[in-house]
Protein backbone atom coordinates (compact mmCIF):
# COMPACT_ATOMS: atom_id res chain seq x y z
CA MET A 1 16.48 5.22 -16.30
CA ILE A 2 12.70 5.19 -15.80
CA MET A 3 12.64 1.37 -15.95
CA LEU A 4 15.20 1.26 -13.14
CA ALA A 5 13.02 3.63 -11.10
CA ALA A 6 9.95 1.50 -11.85
CA GLN A 7 11.81 -1.64 -10.79
CA ALA A 8 12.81 0.07 -7.54
CA VAL A 9 9.23 1.16 -6.82
CA LEU A 10 7.94 -2.32 -7.65
CA ALA A 11 10.56 -3.96 -5.42
CA LEU A 12 9.65 -1.63 -2.55
CA LEU A 13 5.95 -2.32 -3.08
CA ALA A 14 6.68 -6.06 -3.10
CA ALA A 15 8.72 -5.94 0.11
CA TYR A 16 6.20 -3.72 1.89
CA HIS A 17 3.16 -5.75 0.88
CA LEU A 18 4.75 -9.14 1.52
CA GLY A 19 6.05 -8.02 4.93
CA THR A 20 2.93 -6.27 6.15
CA GLY A 21 0.66 -8.90 4.62
CA MET A 22 2.41 -11.76 6.39
CA LEU A 23 2.42 -9.77 9.63
CA ALA A 24 -1.33 -9.16 9.31
CA LEU A 25 -2.01 -12.84 8.62
CA ILE A 26 0.21 -14.18 11.40
CA ALA A 27 -0.08 -11.46 14.05
CA PRO A 28 -2.95 -9.01 13.55
CA ALA A 29 -2.10 -7.22 16.81
CA GLY A 30 1.41 -6.60 15.48
CA ALA A 31 -0.05 -5.28 12.24
CA ARG A 32 -2.25 -2.88 14.20
CA ARG A 33 0.83 -1.61 16.06
CA PHE A 34 2.64 -1.18 12.74
CA ALA A 35 -0.31 0.80 11.34
CA ARG A 36 -0.25 2.98 14.44
CA ALA A 37 3.49 3.64 14.04
CA LEU A 38 3.51 4.24 10.27
CA TYR A 39 0.13 5.85 9.64
CA SER A 40 -0.84 7.11 13.12
CA ALA A 41 -4.01 5.04 12.69
CA ASP A 42 -5.74 3.90 15.85
CA LEU A 43 -7.20 0.49 15.02
CA ARG A 44 -9.34 -0.92 17.83
CA GLU A 45 -8.40 -4.23 19.35
CA ASN A 46 -11.19 -6.77 18.90
CA GLY A 47 -11.98 -9.95 17.04
CA GLN A 48 -13.73 -8.16 14.20
CA MET A 49 -10.71 -5.95 13.56
CA ASP A 50 -8.36 -8.94 13.73
CA TYR A 51 -10.40 -10.65 11.02
CA VAL A 52 -10.46 -7.55 8.81
CA VAL A 53 -6.72 -7.01 9.28
CA ALA A 54 -5.99 -10.65 8.40
CA MET A 55 -8.14 -10.50 5.25
CA ILE A 56 -6.41 -7.28 4.13
CA GLY A 57 -3.14 -9.08 4.86
CA ALA A 58 -4.07 -11.86 2.46
CA GLN A 59 -4.69 -9.29 -0.26
CA ALA A 60 -1.42 -7.56 0.57
CA VAL A 61 0.51 -10.82 0.14
CA ALA A 62 -1.06 -11.32 -3.30
CA ILE A 63 -0.22 -7.72 -4.26
CA GLY A 64 3.34 -8.27 -3.05
CA VAL A 65 3.76 -11.35 -5.21
CA LEU A 66 2.45 -9.49 -8.27
CA ALA A 67 4.76 -6.55 -7.57
CA ALA A 68 7.73 -8.91 -7.24
CA VAL A 69 6.91 -10.57 -10.57
CA ALA A 70 6.56 -7.18 -12.26
CA ALA A 71 9.82 -5.91 -10.74
CA VAL A 72 11.78 -8.60 -12.56
CA ASP A 73 10.59 -7.39 -15.97
CA PRO A 74 8.22 -4.40 -15.99
CA VAL A 75 8.07 -4.32 -19.78
CA ARG A 76 6.82 -7.90 -20.07
CA ASN A 77 4.46 -7.39 -17.12
CA ARG A 78 2.85 -4.12 -18.20
CA ALA A 79 -0.61 -5.26 -17.14
CA ILE A 80 0.59 -5.84 -13.58
CA VAL A 81 2.42 -2.50 -13.54
CA GLY A 82 -0.73 -0.77 -14.79
CA GLY A 83 -2.86 -2.55 -12.21
CA LEU A 84 -0.53 -1.54 -9.39
CA ALA A 85 -0.45 2.06 -10.62
CA LEU A 86 -4.25 2.07 -10.61
CA LEU A 87 -4.33 0.56 -7.11
CA GLN A 88 -1.98 3.22 -5.73
CA PHE A 89 -3.96 5.98 -7.48
CA LEU A 90 -7.22 4.71 -6.00
CA ARG A 91 -5.62 4.53 -2.57
CA ALA A 92 -4.51 8.16 -2.89
CA ALA A 93 -7.93 9.23 -4.13
CA THR A 94 -9.61 7.43 -1.24
CA ARG A 95 -7.31 9.18 1.24
CA VAL A 96 -8.26 12.53 -0.32
CA ALA A 97 -11.99 11.74 -0.33
CA ARG A 98 -11.98 10.28 3.18
CA THR A 99 -9.60 12.67 4.94
CA ARG A 100 -12.20 13.53 7.57
CA THR A 101 -12.95 9.86 8.24
CA LEU A 102 -9.26 9.07 8.58
CA ARG A 103 -8.90 11.93 11.06
CA ASP A 104 -12.08 11.42 13.08
CA ALA A 105 -12.45 7.63 13.11
CA LEU A 106 -8.82 6.49 12.97
CA GLY A 107 -6.96 9.49 14.40
CA VAL A 108 -4.74 9.99 11.34
CA PRO A 109 -3.40 13.56 11.42
CA PRO A 110 -4.02 15.50 8.18
CA ARG A 111 -0.27 16.12 7.78
CA ARG A 112 0.50 12.39 7.94
CA ASN A 113 -2.33 11.73 5.49
CA GLY A 114 -0.91 14.35 3.13
CA ILE A 115 2.51 12.70 3.24
CA MET A 116 1.00 9.32 2.43
CA ILE A 117 -0.98 10.82 -0.46
CA ALA A 118 2.22 12.34 -1.86
CA VAL A 119 4.07 9.00 -1.59
CA LEU A 120 1.25 7.14 -3.32
CA LEU A 121 1.08 9.69 -6.15
CA ALA A 122 4.87 9.59 -6.59
CA GLU A 123 4.62 5.82 -7.01
CA VAL A 124 1.83 6.30 -9.54
CA ALA A 125 3.91 8.83 -11.49
CA VAL A 126 6.90 6.47 -11.74
CA LEU A 127 4.81 3.43 -12.66
CA ALA A 128 2.66 5.31 -15.17
CA THR A 129 5.71 6.89 -16.82
CA SER A 130 7.23 3.43 -17.25
CA LEU A 131 4.15 2.41 -19.25
CA ALA A 132 4.50 5.27 -21.75
């Protein structure tokens, strides 16, 4: 049962990262709008931000490919599963440590940040449990 849950989380991570990563690479302005809708983050429109968004998009595509590979067989791809669990944990920890920055610089409401932290930690719990 836990492997099925891990495969579902990995498939969702793959779809999310491949979709948002390609959007960020192809249409940074669209990725900024997506971030505004999903995270309530206000990303400024300028060339510097477009470059940063595109580079993060490239990383997201790579993460998506790894998640897709791991989703096929999490047992054989334990290192990838562990790496993705670590990534999601570090993302949650960064959101906790930088709550004020997210609020003040990007306009992310604390409630929305809390929801995203809970989602990230739920993903970590499923992935980590699958490694046990």
